[in-house]
Protein backbone atom coordinates (compact mmCIF):
# COMPACT_ATOMS: atom_id res chain seq x y z
CA MET A 1 -77.95 -109.86 66.10
CA ARG A 2 -75.39 -111.40 63.79
CA PHE A 3 -74.75 -115.12 63.80
CA PHE A 4 -71.20 -114.87 65.22
CA GLU A 5 -72.52 -112.64 68.03
CA VAL A 6 -75.17 -115.22 68.88
CA ALA A 7 -72.58 -117.96 68.76
CA TRP A 8 -70.19 -115.99 70.98
CA LEU A 9 -72.99 -115.30 73.44
CA GLY A 10 -73.71 -119.02 73.57
CA VAL A 11 -70.06 -119.83 74.21
CA LEU A 12 -69.89 -117.16 76.93
CA CYS A 13 -73.00 -118.49 78.64
CA SER A 14 -71.56 -122.00 78.44
CA MET A 15 -68.30 -120.82 80.00
CA LEU A 16 -70.12 -119.01 82.79
CA ALA A 17 -72.31 -122.03 83.45
CA SER A 18 -69.26 -124.27 83.51
CA ALA A 19 -67.47 -121.93 85.90
CA GLY A 20 -70.58 -121.77 88.05
CA ALA A 21 -70.85 -125.55 88.11
CA GLU A 22 -67.18 -125.81 89.02
CA GLU A 23 -67.61 -123.28 91.83
CA LYS A 24 -70.72 -125.11 93.03
CA SER A 25 -68.75 -128.35 93.01
CA LYS A 26 -66.11 -126.72 95.20
CA ARG A 27 -68.75 -125.40 97.57
CA ALA A 28 -70.33 -128.85 97.71
CA LEU A 29 -67.40 -130.07 99.77
CA PRO A 30 -68.41 -129.00 103.29
CA HIS A 31 -66.15 -127.96 106.07
CA ILE A 32 -66.20 -130.75 108.65
CA VAL A 33 -65.86 -130.27 112.41
CA VAL A 34 -65.92 -133.39 114.60
CA ILE A 35 -66.08 -132.67 118.34
CA LEU A 36 -65.54 -135.66 120.62
CA ALA A 37 -66.33 -135.26 124.31
CA ASP A 38 -64.63 -137.58 126.80
CA ASP A 39 -66.84 -139.71 129.10
CA LEU A 40 -69.95 -137.61 128.47
CA GLY A 41 -73.12 -139.55 129.22
CA TRP A 42 -76.28 -139.86 127.11
CA GLY A 43 -78.28 -138.17 129.86
CA ASP A 44 -75.97 -135.23 130.57
CA LEU A 45 -77.46 -133.08 127.81
CA GLN A 46 -80.87 -131.57 128.42
CA CYS A 47 -81.91 -132.31 124.85
CA TYR A 48 -81.60 -136.00 125.77
CA GLN A 49 -82.83 -135.88 129.35
CA GLU A 50 -85.18 -133.04 130.23
CA ASP A 51 -84.54 -133.33 133.96
CA SER A 52 -80.76 -133.16 133.57
CA LYS A 53 -79.35 -130.91 136.27
CA ILE A 54 -76.84 -129.45 133.82
CA PRO A 55 -77.61 -126.53 131.46
CA THR A 56 -76.34 -127.35 127.97
CA PRO A 57 -77.80 -124.50 125.89
CA ARG A 58 -75.32 -124.58 123.00
CA LEU A 59 -75.58 -128.33 122.49
CA ASP A 60 -79.35 -128.18 122.82
CA ARG A 61 -79.36 -125.49 120.13
CA LEU A 62 -77.07 -127.62 117.96
CA ALA A 63 -79.62 -130.42 118.24
CA ALA A 64 -82.49 -128.07 117.40
CA GLU A 65 -80.66 -126.80 114.33
CA GLY A 66 -79.81 -130.27 113.05
CA MET A 67 -80.44 -133.94 113.72
CA ARG A 68 -80.33 -135.68 117.11
CA PHE A 69 -79.71 -139.43 117.08
CA THR A 70 -81.18 -141.39 120.00
CA ASP A 71 -79.70 -144.82 119.18
CA ALA A 72 -76.04 -143.91 118.65
CA HIS A 73 -73.20 -146.01 120.06
CA THR A 74 -69.47 -146.14 120.45
CA PRO A 75 -67.70 -149.31 119.25
CA SER A 76 -65.96 -149.55 122.62
CA SER A 77 -66.84 -148.51 126.15
CA VAL A 78 -63.43 -146.85 126.64
CA CYS A 79 -61.56 -144.18 124.78
CA THR A 80 -58.50 -145.42 122.87
CA PRO A 81 -60.42 -148.06 120.87
CA THR A 82 -63.22 -145.64 120.02
CA ARG A 83 -60.79 -142.99 118.80
CA TYR A 84 -59.04 -145.52 116.59
CA THR A 85 -62.32 -146.69 115.08
CA LEU A 86 -63.63 -143.16 114.52
CA LEU A 87 -60.62 -142.25 112.39
CA THR A 88 -60.26 -145.56 110.52
CA GLY A 89 -63.76 -147.08 110.25
CA ARG A 90 -62.29 -150.33 111.61
CA TYR A 91 -62.92 -152.00 114.96
CA CYS A 92 -59.93 -151.61 117.26
CA TRP A 93 -60.04 -155.22 118.48
CA ARG A 94 -58.74 -156.14 115.02
CA THR A 95 -55.44 -154.52 116.05
CA SER A 96 -52.94 -155.58 118.71
CA LEU A 97 -54.98 -153.65 121.31
CA GLU A 98 -57.61 -156.28 122.08
CA LYS A 99 -58.68 -154.73 125.39
CA GLY A 100 -57.86 -151.81 127.66
CA VAL A 101 -56.35 -148.46 126.65
CA LEU A 102 -52.94 -146.98 125.91
CA ASP A 103 -51.14 -144.74 128.38
CA GLY A 104 -49.44 -141.43 127.61
CA PHE A 105 -46.29 -143.09 126.26
CA GLY A 106 -47.81 -145.88 124.16
CA PRO A 107 -46.46 -146.35 120.62
CA PRO A 108 -48.65 -145.52 117.62
CA LEU A 109 -51.75 -147.67 117.29
CA ILE A 110 -52.45 -146.39 113.77
CA GLU A 111 -49.84 -147.81 111.42
CA SER A 112 -50.60 -148.34 107.71
CA GLU A 113 -54.31 -147.56 107.99
CA VAL A 114 -55.92 -144.85 105.91
CA THR A 115 -57.57 -142.24 108.15
CA LEU A 116 -60.27 -139.63 107.73
CA ALA A 117 -57.57 -136.98 107.92
CA SER A 118 -55.39 -138.53 105.21
CA ILE A 119 -58.38 -138.94 102.87
CA LEU A 120 -59.56 -135.38 103.40
CA LYS A 121 -56.06 -133.99 103.03
CA GLU A 122 -55.71 -135.78 99.70
CA LYS A 123 -59.00 -134.19 98.60
CA GLY A 124 -57.61 -130.73 99.28
CA TYR A 125 -58.79 -130.15 102.85
CA ARG A 126 -56.77 -128.29 105.42
CA THR A 127 -56.67 -130.73 108.33
CA ALA A 128 -56.20 -129.86 112.00
CA CYS A 129 -56.44 -131.76 115.26
CA VAL A 130 -56.75 -130.00 118.60
CA GLY A 131 -57.14 -131.99 121.81
CA LYS A 132 -56.57 -135.33 123.46
CA TRP A 133 -54.95 -137.81 121.04
CA HIS A 134 -54.65 -141.06 123.06
CA LEU A 135 -53.78 -143.17 120.03
CA GLY A 136 -50.11 -143.47 120.72
CA MET A 137 -47.02 -141.80 119.29
CA GLN A 138 -43.41 -142.88 119.18
CA TRP A 139 -41.48 -141.60 122.17
CA HIS A 140 -37.83 -142.49 122.77
CA SER A 141 -35.73 -143.00 125.85
CA ILE A 142 -32.73 -140.83 126.62
CA GLU A 143 -30.63 -143.69 125.29
CA GLY A 144 -32.44 -143.45 121.97
CA GLU A 145 -34.55 -146.61 122.29
CA PRO A 146 -38.18 -146.50 121.11
CA ILE A 147 -40.63 -146.85 123.99
CA GLY A 148 -43.02 -149.77 123.59
CA ARG A 149 -46.44 -150.73 124.88
CA ARG A 150 -46.88 -150.78 128.65
CA GLY A 151 -47.37 -154.10 130.34
CA PRO A 152 -49.77 -154.84 133.19
CA GLN A 153 -48.17 -152.11 135.30
CA ARG A 154 -49.80 -148.77 136.00
CA PHE A 155 -49.47 -145.82 133.65
CA ARG A 156 -45.85 -144.70 133.32
CA SER A 157 -44.40 -141.51 134.81
CA GLY A 158 -42.16 -140.35 131.96
CA GLU A 159 -38.84 -140.74 133.73
CA GLY A 160 -36.05 -141.50 131.29
CA VAL A 161 -37.90 -140.14 128.24
CA ASP A 162 -36.10 -137.85 125.78
CA PHE A 163 -38.50 -134.91 125.57
CA GLU A 164 -36.18 -132.86 123.35
CA ARG A 165 -36.49 -135.35 120.51
CA GLU A 166 -39.13 -135.09 117.79
CA ILE A 167 -42.09 -137.41 118.36
CA ASN A 168 -43.24 -139.46 115.38
CA GLY A 169 -46.34 -141.51 114.64
CA GLY A 170 -48.80 -138.97 116.01
CA PRO A 171 -51.48 -136.86 114.31
CA ASN A 172 -49.10 -135.22 111.82
CA ASP A 173 -48.11 -138.63 110.47
CA VAL A 174 -51.68 -139.83 109.85
CA GLY A 175 -53.00 -136.92 107.82
CA PHE A 176 -53.20 -133.83 110.04
CA ASP A 177 -51.45 -130.66 108.90
CA PHE A 178 -51.50 -129.23 112.41
CA TYR A 179 -51.76 -130.65 115.90
CA PHE A 180 -52.04 -129.10 119.34
CA GLY A 181 -52.96 -131.16 122.37
CA ILE A 182 -52.06 -133.74 124.97
CA SER A 183 -50.90 -137.29 124.35
CA ALA A 184 -53.53 -139.05 126.49
CA SER A 185 -55.88 -138.48 129.44
CA LEU A 186 -55.21 -136.01 132.24
CA ASP A 187 -54.85 -138.79 134.79
CA MET A 188 -51.76 -139.93 132.87
CA SER A 189 -48.28 -138.52 132.39
CA PRO A 190 -46.88 -136.54 130.60
CA TYR A 191 -48.56 -133.39 131.87
CA LEU A 192 -47.69 -131.06 129.01
CA TYR A 193 -48.88 -129.73 125.65
CA LEU A 194 -47.67 -130.95 122.28
CA VAL A 195 -47.41 -128.82 119.14
CA ASP A 196 -47.05 -130.99 116.06
CA GLY A 197 -44.17 -133.35 116.85
CA ARG A 198 -42.63 -131.38 119.71
CA VAL A 199 -43.42 -130.62 123.34
CA GLU A 200 -44.44 -127.00 123.84
CA LYS A 201 -42.40 -126.72 127.05
CA LEU A 202 -39.93 -129.22 128.46
CA PRO A 203 -41.28 -131.01 131.55
CA THR A 204 -38.89 -129.76 134.21
CA GLU A 205 -41.37 -130.21 137.09
CA TRP A 206 -43.10 -133.13 138.75
CA HIS A 207 -46.80 -133.84 139.15
CA GLU A 208 -47.27 -135.32 142.61
CA GLU A 209 -49.63 -138.15 143.45
CA ILE A 210 -51.89 -137.59 146.44
CA LYS A 211 -52.19 -140.91 148.21
CA GLY A 212 -55.54 -142.64 147.91
CA THR A 213 -56.80 -140.53 145.04
CA ASP A 214 -54.35 -141.30 142.24
CA PHE A 215 -57.15 -142.28 139.85
CA LEU A 216 -58.60 -138.82 140.28
CA ASN A 217 -55.46 -136.76 140.53
CA GLY A 218 -53.44 -138.75 138.01
CA VAL A 219 -50.37 -140.89 138.34
CA PRO A 220 -47.20 -139.09 139.40
CA GLY A 221 -45.16 -137.94 136.46
CA VAL A 222 -43.32 -135.24 134.58
CA LYS A 223 -44.99 -131.85 134.14
CA ALA A 224 -44.27 -128.72 132.15
CA PRO A 225 -44.00 -125.43 134.06
CA GLY A 226 -47.38 -123.73 134.39
CA PHE A 227 -49.37 -126.73 133.20
CA ALA A 228 -52.65 -127.06 135.14
CA VAL A 229 -55.48 -129.49 134.46
CA GLU A 230 -58.07 -126.74 135.08
CA ASP A 231 -56.71 -124.80 132.09
CA VAL A 232 -56.69 -127.58 129.49
CA LEU A 233 -60.28 -127.42 128.24
CA GLU A 234 -60.14 -123.65 127.87
CA ARG A 235 -56.83 -123.90 126.01
CA PHE A 236 -58.32 -126.43 123.59
CA GLY A 237 -61.15 -124.01 122.89
CA ILE A 238 -58.72 -121.17 122.27
CA GLU A 239 -56.59 -123.21 119.87
CA ALA A 240 -59.61 -124.56 117.99
CA VAL A 241 -60.94 -121.02 117.50
CA LYS A 242 -57.50 -119.98 116.22
CA VAL A 243 -57.65 -122.71 113.60
CA ILE A 244 -61.02 -121.46 112.38
CA GLU A 245 -60.07 -117.78 112.49
CA SER A 246 -56.88 -118.41 110.51
CA HIS A 247 -58.67 -120.42 107.82
CA ASN A 248 -59.54 -119.00 104.43
CA PRO A 249 -62.60 -120.90 103.21
CA LYS A 250 -61.94 -119.73 99.63
CA ASP A 251 -58.63 -121.59 99.55
CA ALA A 252 -59.74 -124.98 100.85
CA PRO A 253 -62.37 -126.70 102.96
CA LEU A 254 -61.47 -127.32 106.61
CA PHE A 255 -61.45 -130.53 108.62
CA LEU A 256 -61.14 -129.89 112.36
CA TYR A 257 -61.03 -132.84 114.75
CA LEU A 258 -61.52 -131.62 118.32
CA PRO A 259 -61.27 -134.42 120.90
CA LEU A 260 -61.89 -132.74 124.25
CA ASN A 261 -60.54 -133.79 127.63
CA SER A 262 -63.87 -133.26 129.39
CA PRO A 263 -65.71 -134.37 131.40
CA HIS A 264 -63.18 -137.20 131.96
CA LEU A 265 -61.50 -137.37 135.36
CA PRO A 266 -59.93 -135.39 136.88
CA VAL A 267 -63.07 -133.29 137.20
CA ALA A 268 -61.42 -129.91 136.79
CA PRO A 269 -63.70 -127.12 135.58
CA ALA A 270 -62.27 -123.65 135.14
CA GLY A 271 -63.34 -120.82 137.41
CA ILE A 272 -65.79 -119.52 134.81
CA ALA A 273 -67.85 -122.70 135.24
CA GLU A 274 -68.15 -122.62 139.02
CA GLY A 275 -71.76 -123.00 140.14
CA MET A 276 -73.15 -123.05 136.61
CA SER A 277 -75.00 -126.34 137.17
CA GLU A 278 -77.05 -128.05 139.84
CA ALA A 279 -74.92 -131.18 139.65
CA GLY A 280 -71.75 -130.24 141.51
CA LEU A 281 -68.31 -130.01 139.94
CA TYR A 282 -69.07 -132.68 137.39
CA GLY A 283 -72.08 -130.71 136.19
CA ASP A 284 -69.97 -127.55 136.04
CA PHE A 285 -67.42 -129.43 133.91
CA VAL A 286 -70.14 -130.54 131.50
CA TRP A 287 -71.38 -126.94 131.37
CA GLU A 288 -67.86 -125.83 130.44
CA THR A 289 -67.82 -128.49 127.73
CA ASP A 290 -71.01 -126.99 126.32
CA HIS A 291 -69.48 -123.52 126.61
CA THR A 292 -66.39 -124.64 124.67
CA VAL A 293 -68.54 -126.07 121.88
CA GLY A 294 -70.36 -122.74 121.78
CA ARG A 295 -67.09 -120.88 121.24
CA VAL A 296 -66.33 -123.09 118.24
CA LEU A 297 -69.82 -122.57 116.79
CA ASP A 298 -69.52 -118.81 117.27
CA ALA A 299 -66.16 -118.82 115.48
CA LEU A 300 -67.69 -120.64 112.51
CA ALA A 301 -70.52 -118.11 112.35
CA ALA A 302 -68.17 -115.14 112.61
CA LYS A 303 -66.11 -116.55 109.75
CA GLY A 304 -69.18 -117.02 107.57
CA MET A 305 -68.65 -120.81 107.50
CA GLU A 306 -71.76 -121.88 109.39
CA GLU A 307 -73.97 -122.78 106.42
CA ASP A 308 -71.36 -124.95 104.69
CA THR A 309 -70.05 -126.76 107.77
CA LEU A 310 -71.02 -130.21 108.96
CA VAL A 311 -70.65 -130.18 112.75
CA LEU A 312 -70.77 -133.55 114.48
CA PHE A 313 -70.76 -133.73 118.28
CA THR A 314 -70.59 -136.97 120.26
CA SER A 315 -68.76 -138.77 123.10
CA ASP A 316 -66.12 -141.51 123.13
CA ASN A 317 -68.10 -143.71 125.53
CA GLY A 318 -70.79 -143.53 128.18
CA GLY A 319 -70.60 -141.48 131.35
CA LEU A 320 -68.68 -142.46 134.45
CA TRP A 321 -70.98 -142.94 137.46
CA HIS A 322 -68.04 -143.49 139.83
CA TRP A 323 -66.69 -140.05 140.51
CA TRP A 324 -65.03 -137.98 143.22
CA ASP A 325 -65.39 -134.34 144.25
CA PHE A 326 -61.77 -133.27 144.79
CA ARG A 327 -62.29 -129.71 145.91
CA ALA A 328 -64.68 -130.09 148.81
CA ALA A 329 -62.34 -131.43 151.47
CA ASP A 330 -60.32 -129.41 153.98
CA ASP A 331 -57.07 -131.20 153.09
CA GLY A 332 -56.91 -129.59 149.66
CA GLY A 333 -59.98 -131.26 148.27
CA LYS A 334 -58.57 -134.68 147.44
CA VAL A 335 -60.83 -136.95 149.48
CA PRO A 336 -62.88 -139.29 147.29
CA PHE A 337 -66.47 -140.23 147.85
CA THR A 338 -66.45 -143.82 149.03
CA LYS A 339 -69.90 -144.83 147.88
CA ARG A 340 -70.75 -145.68 144.30
CA GLY A 341 -73.49 -143.47 142.95
CA GLN A 342 -72.88 -140.69 145.49
CA TYR A 343 -73.13 -138.22 142.65
CA VAL A 344 -76.57 -139.47 141.68
CA LYS A 345 -77.75 -139.51 145.29
CA ASP A 346 -76.56 -136.01 146.13
CA PHE A 347 -77.67 -134.16 143.02
CA GLY A 348 -80.43 -136.25 141.49
CA HIS A 349 -78.65 -136.38 138.12
CA GLN A 350 -78.07 -139.54 136.09
CA SER A 351 -75.22 -139.12 133.63
CA ASN A 352 -76.41 -142.11 131.60
CA ALA A 353 -80.11 -141.46 132.20
CA ASP A 354 -81.89 -144.79 132.83
CA TRP A 355 -79.53 -146.95 130.79
CA ARG A 356 -77.82 -149.71 132.73
CA GLY A 357 -74.11 -149.51 133.43
CA THR A 358 -71.29 -147.04 133.14
CA LYS A 359 -68.19 -146.28 131.11
CA ALA A 360 -66.17 -149.46 130.44
CA ASP A 361 -69.27 -151.69 130.72
CA ILE A 362 -70.85 -153.76 127.96
CA TYR A 363 -74.28 -152.52 129.05
CA GLU A 364 -76.00 -149.63 127.27
CA GLY A 365 -74.69 -147.02 129.69
CA GLY A 366 -71.18 -147.90 128.58
CA HIS A 367 -71.62 -147.23 124.88
CA ARG A 368 -74.88 -145.38 124.13
CA VAL A 369 -73.93 -141.74 123.62
CA PRO A 370 -75.26 -138.37 122.46
CA PHE A 371 -74.81 -137.86 118.72
CA LEU A 372 -75.69 -134.53 117.08
CA VAL A 373 -75.21 -133.46 113.47
CA ARG A 374 -75.80 -129.95 112.14
CA TRP A 375 -75.30 -129.26 108.44
CA PRO A 376 -77.59 -126.41 107.36
CA ALA A 377 -76.98 -126.96 103.65
CA VAL A 378 -78.29 -130.53 103.83
CA VAL A 379 -79.89 -131.46 107.16
CA GLU A 380 -83.34 -130.12 107.97
CA PRO A 381 -83.43 -128.62 111.49
CA GLY A 382 -85.23 -130.14 114.45
CA GLN A 383 -85.02 -133.77 113.38
CA VAL A 384 -84.78 -136.74 115.74
CA SER A 385 -83.60 -140.05 114.32
CA ASP A 386 -83.86 -143.48 115.95
CA SER A 387 -81.57 -145.01 113.29
CA LEU A 388 -78.87 -147.27 114.68
CA VAL A 389 -75.47 -145.63 114.19
CA GLU A 390 -71.94 -146.08 115.52
CA LEU A 391 -69.04 -143.68 115.64
CA THR A 392 -67.49 -146.26 113.32
CA ASP A 393 -69.79 -144.89 110.62
CA VAL A 394 -68.27 -141.41 110.44
CA TYR A 395 -65.59 -142.81 108.13
CA ALA A 396 -67.97 -144.20 105.48
CA THR A 397 -70.21 -141.14 105.76
CA VAL A 398 -67.36 -138.76 104.97
CA LEU A 399 -66.35 -140.90 101.99
CA ASP A 400 -69.97 -140.82 100.84
CA ILE A 401 -70.04 -137.03 101.11
CA LEU A 402 -66.86 -136.87 99.03
CA GLY A 403 -68.35 -139.21 96.43
CA LEU A 404 -65.67 -141.84 97.06
CA ASP A 405 -65.88 -145.61 97.22
CA ASN A 406 -63.89 -147.33 99.91
CA THR A 407 -61.13 -149.30 98.18
CA ASP A 408 -58.83 -149.74 101.17
CA PRO A 409 -58.65 -153.37 102.35
CA ILE A 410 -58.18 -152.39 106.00
CA SER A 411 -59.80 -149.07 106.83
CA GLY A 412 -63.55 -148.69 106.53
CA GLN A 413 -64.35 -152.39 106.68
CA ASP A 414 -66.76 -151.97 109.59
CA SER A 415 -68.26 -148.61 108.60
CA PHE A 416 -71.71 -147.79 107.16
CA SER A 417 -72.67 -144.40 105.73
CA PHE A 418 -75.51 -142.56 107.44
CA LEU A 419 -75.54 -139.81 104.78
CA PRO A 420 -78.93 -141.06 103.46
CA THR A 421 -80.34 -140.51 106.94
CA LEU A 422 -78.97 -136.97 107.05
CA GLU A 423 -80.51 -136.29 103.65
CA GLY A 424 -83.87 -137.64 104.76
CA LYS A 425 -83.83 -140.43 102.16
CA LYS A 426 -83.44 -143.46 104.41
CA THR A 427 -83.85 -144.03 108.12
CA ALA A 428 -81.83 -147.22 108.63
CA THR A 429 -78.37 -147.88 107.19
CA ARG A 430 -76.64 -150.11 109.77
CA PRO A 431 -78.12 -153.63 110.18
CA PHE A 432 -76.35 -154.44 113.45
CA SER A 433 -73.92 -152.99 115.95
CA VAL A 434 -70.91 -154.51 117.69
CA HIS A 435 -69.86 -153.40 121.17
CA HIS A 436 -66.72 -154.10 123.18
CA SER A 437 -65.98 -153.53 126.87
CA LEU A 438 -62.84 -152.52 128.75
CA ARG A 439 -62.03 -156.15 129.56
CA GLY A 440 -62.63 -157.37 126.02
CA MET A 441 -66.21 -158.63 126.30
CA PHE A 442 -68.24 -158.58 123.06
CA ALA A 443 -71.87 -157.77 122.40
CA LEU A 444 -73.96 -157.82 119.23
CA ARG A 445 -77.05 -155.66 118.79
CA GLU A 446 -79.47 -156.64 116.05
CA GLU A 447 -82.90 -155.05 115.80
CA GLY A 448 -84.29 -155.24 119.35
CA TRP A 449 -82.00 -158.05 120.48
CA LYS A 450 -78.71 -157.65 122.31
CA LEU A 451 -76.41 -160.62 122.87
CA ILE A 452 -73.50 -160.38 125.32
CA GLU A 453 -70.74 -163.00 125.15
CA GLY A 454 -70.18 -163.48 128.84
CA ARG A 455 -71.50 -162.74 132.29
CA GLY A 456 -71.21 -159.50 134.21
CA SER A 457 -70.44 -156.01 132.95
CA GLY A 458 -67.01 -156.65 131.45
CA GLY A 459 -66.02 -153.26 132.82
CA PHE A 460 -66.33 -151.28 136.06
CA THR A 461 -69.73 -152.33 137.41
CA ARG A 462 -69.74 -155.34 139.70
CA PRO A 463 -70.05 -158.19 139.02
CA ARG A 464 -67.52 -157.71 136.25
CA GLY A 465 -67.07 -161.18 134.80
CA ALA A 466 -67.81 -164.90 134.83
CA GLU A 467 -65.57 -165.42 137.84
CA SER A 468 -68.31 -163.88 139.99
CA PHE A 469 -70.90 -166.50 138.96
CA GLU A 470 -71.43 -170.14 139.75
CA GLY A 471 -73.51 -172.03 137.20
CA GLY A 472 -76.22 -170.43 135.14
CA PRO A 473 -76.07 -169.32 131.49
CA GLU A 474 -72.72 -168.57 129.89
CA GLY A 475 -73.91 -165.33 128.38
CA GLN A 476 -76.66 -162.72 128.31
CA LEU A 477 -79.48 -161.98 125.89
CA TYR A 478 -81.84 -159.04 126.27
CA ASP A 479 -84.84 -157.84 124.31
CA LEU A 480 -84.22 -154.09 124.36
CA SER A 481 -87.60 -153.39 122.77
CA THR A 482 -89.31 -154.46 126.00
CA ASP A 483 -86.40 -154.44 128.47
CA PHE A 484 -84.22 -151.42 127.72
CA GLN A 485 -82.58 -151.60 131.17
CA GLU A 486 -81.26 -155.10 130.48
CA THR A 487 -82.74 -156.76 133.55
CA THR A 488 -84.15 -160.08 132.23
CA ASN A 489 -81.62 -162.50 130.76
CA LEU A 490 -83.28 -164.59 128.02
CA TRP A 491 -80.21 -166.64 127.13
CA GLU A 492 -81.67 -169.98 128.20
CA ARG A 493 -85.16 -169.32 126.87
CA GLU A 494 -84.23 -168.02 123.41
CA ARG A 495 -81.62 -170.58 122.38
CA ASP A 496 -82.27 -170.23 118.63
CA GLN A 497 -81.80 -166.48 118.82
CA VAL A 498 -78.59 -166.95 120.79
CA LYS A 499 -77.22 -169.43 118.25
CA GLU A 500 -78.03 -167.21 115.29
CA MET A 501 -76.48 -164.11 116.84
CA ARG A 502 -73.37 -165.92 118.05
CA ASN A 503 -72.78 -167.18 114.53
CA ARG A 504 -73.21 -163.69 113.11
CA LEU A 505 -70.82 -162.19 115.65
CA GLU A 506 -68.21 -164.80 114.81
CA GLN A 507 -68.59 -164.06 111.10
CA ILE A 508 -68.04 -160.36 111.77
CA ARG A 509 -64.90 -161.10 113.75
CA GLU A 510 -63.54 -163.39 111.05
CA THR A 511 -64.31 -161.07 108.10
CA SER A 512 -65.82 -157.59 108.40
CA ALA A 513 -69.09 -155.95 109.34
CA ARG A 514 -69.63 -154.77 105.76
CA ARG A 515 -69.04 -158.21 104.31
CA VAL A 516 -71.48 -159.85 106.71
CA ALA A 517 -74.01 -157.18 105.75
CA GLY A 518 -73.54 -158.12 102.09
CA LEU A 519 -71.86 -154.87 101.04
CA GLU A 520 -68.53 -156.44 100.15
CA ASP A 521 -67.52 -159.60 98.29
């Protein structure tokens, strides 16, 4: 072979290798699907609690095909703050929302923050959000005035709102190319679907309140024709599948954020779910949640995207033990159970397993959640990790996957990457965890210790706060390594531990979690 032929062959091989490396680099960016259940408890899934009365075959399979985290937590025990933190990597109590949640007409909570969606969009991802937003968007009155934050009053009905006007400040303005969903929870007005910045149908009807069960049935408010709470979960599944089916993986990677409305009240499973569990309507609703996840997984497989997709499934807070069966009564099924824990008593199912507390509480049942990650290209199947993680950490993990350093001074300041755990290189990446209750009570978890700044649950479980106590310690300290149900308060006995952890919590509040951990200057 002549010299120039050898040289040309070398150049050709180099070009092919370069093209191959470039193609491999493109393939290295995974599709990302984040599915967020609403009020799903740690013990609802059978892969977390074997004696769960609810079949969850698709989620159990997801766990078997990936990694199941047993010590995963939400930053808040209620939904709006968790959703904010998931997308920004920043604790929500650093914003103007220091406790509670937004209603369906709250203004945008995300303002100048960088989000997962905006980062991924900049990196060439197609970004889509389908589901319950609950992070505020800018509505206007008929007179053209922007609608502000609600005060101490109940959730607003939507009277006087200009529904023909474009809505700003929602998903499309924080990095999502496409949005389909509802503005907040289904016990809040408006009862309608949104497509990008417009309502799908004008709300020309009225959703009635049934006296005595408004928490279940939702506040009275405006409703679009044909809108029914029983149809919402199924519609979310349909729209999510459409996003996947319409995607061309050769053009760009996909980021799909799918915040579901289930199994949050109102407990409203579709007819397909009836009788599919041994835990009543709530169990049927969880089964339908599992079924919806299965539809998304099947769509990924049918599209040939399964191997290159990171699927993360979790919940926005712990399960709700206070619940009502609204179909069993003769008057239309709107009579609530009057006894707390009736669900547990009747069906022998514990939504939060043996963890103390419920949604909204500072106790483990309020913020310890299922957390599953499947990524066939990277994560070995069948793994169980006891690493401490928060939903806060999704932000830093995605940046780590993209090979990016966090340079934003606001977003990501409380987020730690768990990519090393997924890769099997390191089991612990987060040194501590910060929790926050509905009423604004803080807790710090460090190794086996958990310090709670205050008395009571800080949420739904009574006693709720210091006003219920006379004398005694001002806070709570538990050794979760020996007392996982948080029954023995060691506040008075372990004063040095209390002092050290209180100082650390204050440092986190004053700076950032990453700075206190020594990861930032």
